[in-house]
Amino acid sequence: VEKYIADIEKLSQTPRKSDFVFEKVVTYADYIFNAASRHRVKMNASFVSMMLAVKVQEGVALLLYPAVELMKIANPIILRSEAERIQMNGGQKMKQLMQDKMRELRVKFDRQQNKAREALGQ
């Protein structure tokens, strides 16, 4: 994983070393996928889409203002959004677990209640 991170870090420096234009997006994606394959890193499709979108935005920003450091601006926003998404999904999972447990307890209670009624002959 460390080698994969190093490869991606090298890639993130490429716009500073050369003019980034939209034709290089395919090369960028190819590099990411080859690095993932080479270092056996599983890629999440949403993550790849987000990386490509950020790279295109960075290319536009660099064409408009070459001194911009978009990643310093974008990273906190992306990380905050991802943290909120994870927190929301975690809350939904917890809610589902609680509902499942309540359902399980109701079924158990109903069974015990039915056994008690049978024992009393009702």
Protein backbone atom coordinates (compact mmCIF):
# COMPACT_ATOMS: atom_id res chain seq x y z
CA VAL A 1 0.00 0.00 0.00
CA GLU A 2 2.85 2.40 0.78
CA LYS A 3 4.23 1.99 -2.75
CA TYR A 4 0.78 2.71 -4.19
CA ILE A 5 0.52 5.87 -2.08
CA ALA A 6 3.97 6.94 -3.31
CA ASP A 7 2.90 6.40 -6.93
CA ILE A 8 -0.27 8.46 -6.44
CA GLU A 9 1.72 11.17 -4.69
CA LYS A 10 4.05 11.35 -7.71
CA LEU A 11 1.04 11.64 -9.96
CA SER A 12 -0.45 14.46 -7.90
CA GLN A 13 2.69 16.52 -8.60
CA THR A 14 2.46 16.21 -12.41
CA PRO A 15 0.37 19.35 -13.05
CA ARG A 16 3.13 21.43 -11.49
CA LYS A 17 5.76 19.89 -13.77
CA SER A 18 3.89 20.16 -17.07
CA ASP A 19 0.82 21.74 -18.59
CA PHE A 20 -2.19 19.66 -17.66
CA VAL A 21 -4.76 19.52 -20.41
CA PHE A 22 -7.91 17.44 -20.72
CA GLU A 23 -6.30 14.97 -23.13
CA LYS A 24 -4.17 13.73 -20.22
CA VAL A 25 -7.17 12.61 -18.15
CA VAL A 26 -7.08 9.19 -19.84
CA THR A 27 -3.37 8.89 -19.08
CA TYR A 28 -4.09 9.92 -15.49
CA ALA A 29 -6.81 7.26 -15.10
CA ASP A 30 -4.57 4.65 -16.73
CA TYR A 31 -1.78 5.49 -14.29
CA ILE A 32 -4.13 5.16 -11.28
CA PHE A 33 -5.51 1.80 -12.42
CA ASN A 34 -2.08 0.42 -13.30
CA ALA A 35 -0.69 1.49 -9.93
CA ALA A 36 -3.65 -0.14 -8.15
CA SER A 37 -3.18 -3.34 -10.13
CA ARG A 38 0.59 -3.38 -9.65
CA HIS A 39 0.32 -2.88 -5.88
CA ARG A 40 -2.88 -4.96 -5.52
CA VAL A 41 -5.02 -2.15 -4.16
CA LYS A 42 -8.79 -2.54 -4.50
CA MET A 43 -10.35 0.55 -6.10
CA ASN A 44 -13.76 1.92 -5.18
CA ALA A 45 -15.58 3.24 -8.27
CA SER A 46 -16.88 6.31 -6.42
CA PHE A 47 -13.39 7.14 -5.23
CA VAL A 48 -11.99 6.89 -8.76
CA SER A 49 -14.76 9.13 -10.10
CA MET A 50 -14.02 11.67 -7.39
CA MET A 51 -10.28 11.60 -8.15
CA LEU A 52 -10.92 12.18 -11.84
CA ALA A 53 -13.33 15.03 -11.13
CA VAL A 54 -10.81 16.70 -8.84
CA LYS A 55 -8.06 16.26 -11.43
CA VAL A 56 -10.18 17.89 -14.15
CA GLN A 57 -11.05 20.78 -11.82
CA GLU A 58 -7.39 21.16 -10.95
CA GLY A 59 -6.54 21.31 -14.66
CA VAL A 60 -9.08 24.06 -15.25
CA ALA A 61 -7.88 26.01 -12.21
CA LEU A 62 -4.24 25.72 -13.31
CA LEU A 63 -5.11 26.97 -16.79
CA LEU A 64 -6.90 29.96 -15.29
CA TYR A 65 -4.48 30.67 -12.45
CA PRO A 66 -1.19 28.68 -12.56
CA ALA A 67 -0.20 29.48 -8.96
CA VAL A 68 -3.38 28.04 -7.40
CA GLU A 69 -2.98 25.16 -4.96
CA LEU A 70 -6.35 23.55 -5.45
CA MET A 71 -5.61 20.41 -3.45
CA LYS A 72 -4.95 22.47 -0.33
CA ILE A 73 -8.39 23.98 -0.78
CA ALA A 74 -10.20 20.83 -1.96
CA ASN A 75 -8.81 18.24 0.48
CA PRO A 76 -10.51 19.61 3.63
CA ILE A 77 -13.82 19.88 1.76
CA ILE A 78 -13.55 16.35 0.39
CA LEU A 79 -12.52 14.90 3.75
CA ARG A 80 -15.35 16.68 5.58
CA SER A 81 -17.87 15.43 3.02
CA GLU A 82 -16.57 11.87 3.28
CA ALA A 83 -16.67 12.00 7.09
CA GLU A 84 -20.29 13.17 6.97
CA ARG A 85 -21.15 10.38 4.52
CA ILE A 86 -19.53 7.75 6.73
CA GLN A 87 -21.22 9.16 9.82
CA MET A 88 -24.61 9.15 8.09
CA ASN A 89 -24.16 5.57 6.87
CA GLY A 90 -23.05 4.54 10.34
CA GLY A 91 -26.21 6.08 11.80
CA GLN A 92 -28.37 4.23 9.31
CA LYS A 93 -26.63 0.96 10.12
CA MET A 94 -27.14 1.55 13.85
CA LYS A 95 -30.81 2.32 13.29
CA GLN A 96 -31.22 -0.89 11.28
CA LEU A 97 -29.45 -2.92 13.97
CA MET A 98 -31.72 -1.44 16.64
CA GLN A 99 -34.84 -2.18 14.58
CA ASP A 100 -33.69 -5.76 14.00
CA LYS A 101 -33.00 -6.22 17.72
CA MET A 102 -36.42 -4.79 18.66
CA ARG A 103 -38.11 -7.12 16.18
CA GLU A 104 -36.19 -10.06 17.62
CA LEU A 105 -37.20 -9.11 21.17
CA ARG A 106 -40.88 -8.74 20.15
CA VAL A 107 -40.88 -12.19 18.57
CA LYS A 108 -39.23 -13.66 21.66
CA PHE A 109 -41.72 -11.91 23.95
CA ASP A 110 -44.70 -13.08 21.85
CA ARG A 111 -43.44 -16.68 21.96
CA GLN A 112 -43.02 -16.57 25.72
CA GLN A 113 -46.44 -15.01 26.10
CA ASN A 114 -48.00 -17.73 23.94
CA LYS A 115 -46.25 -20.47 25.96
CA ALA A 116 -47.54 -18.93 29.18
CA ARG A 117 -51.08 -18.81 27.80
CA GLU A 118 -50.84 -22.44 26.68
CA ALA A 119 -49.60 -23.43 30.12
CA LEU A 120 -52.54 -21.67 31.72
CA GLY A 121 -54.91 -23.30 29.24
CA GLN A 122 -56.11 -20.10 27.61
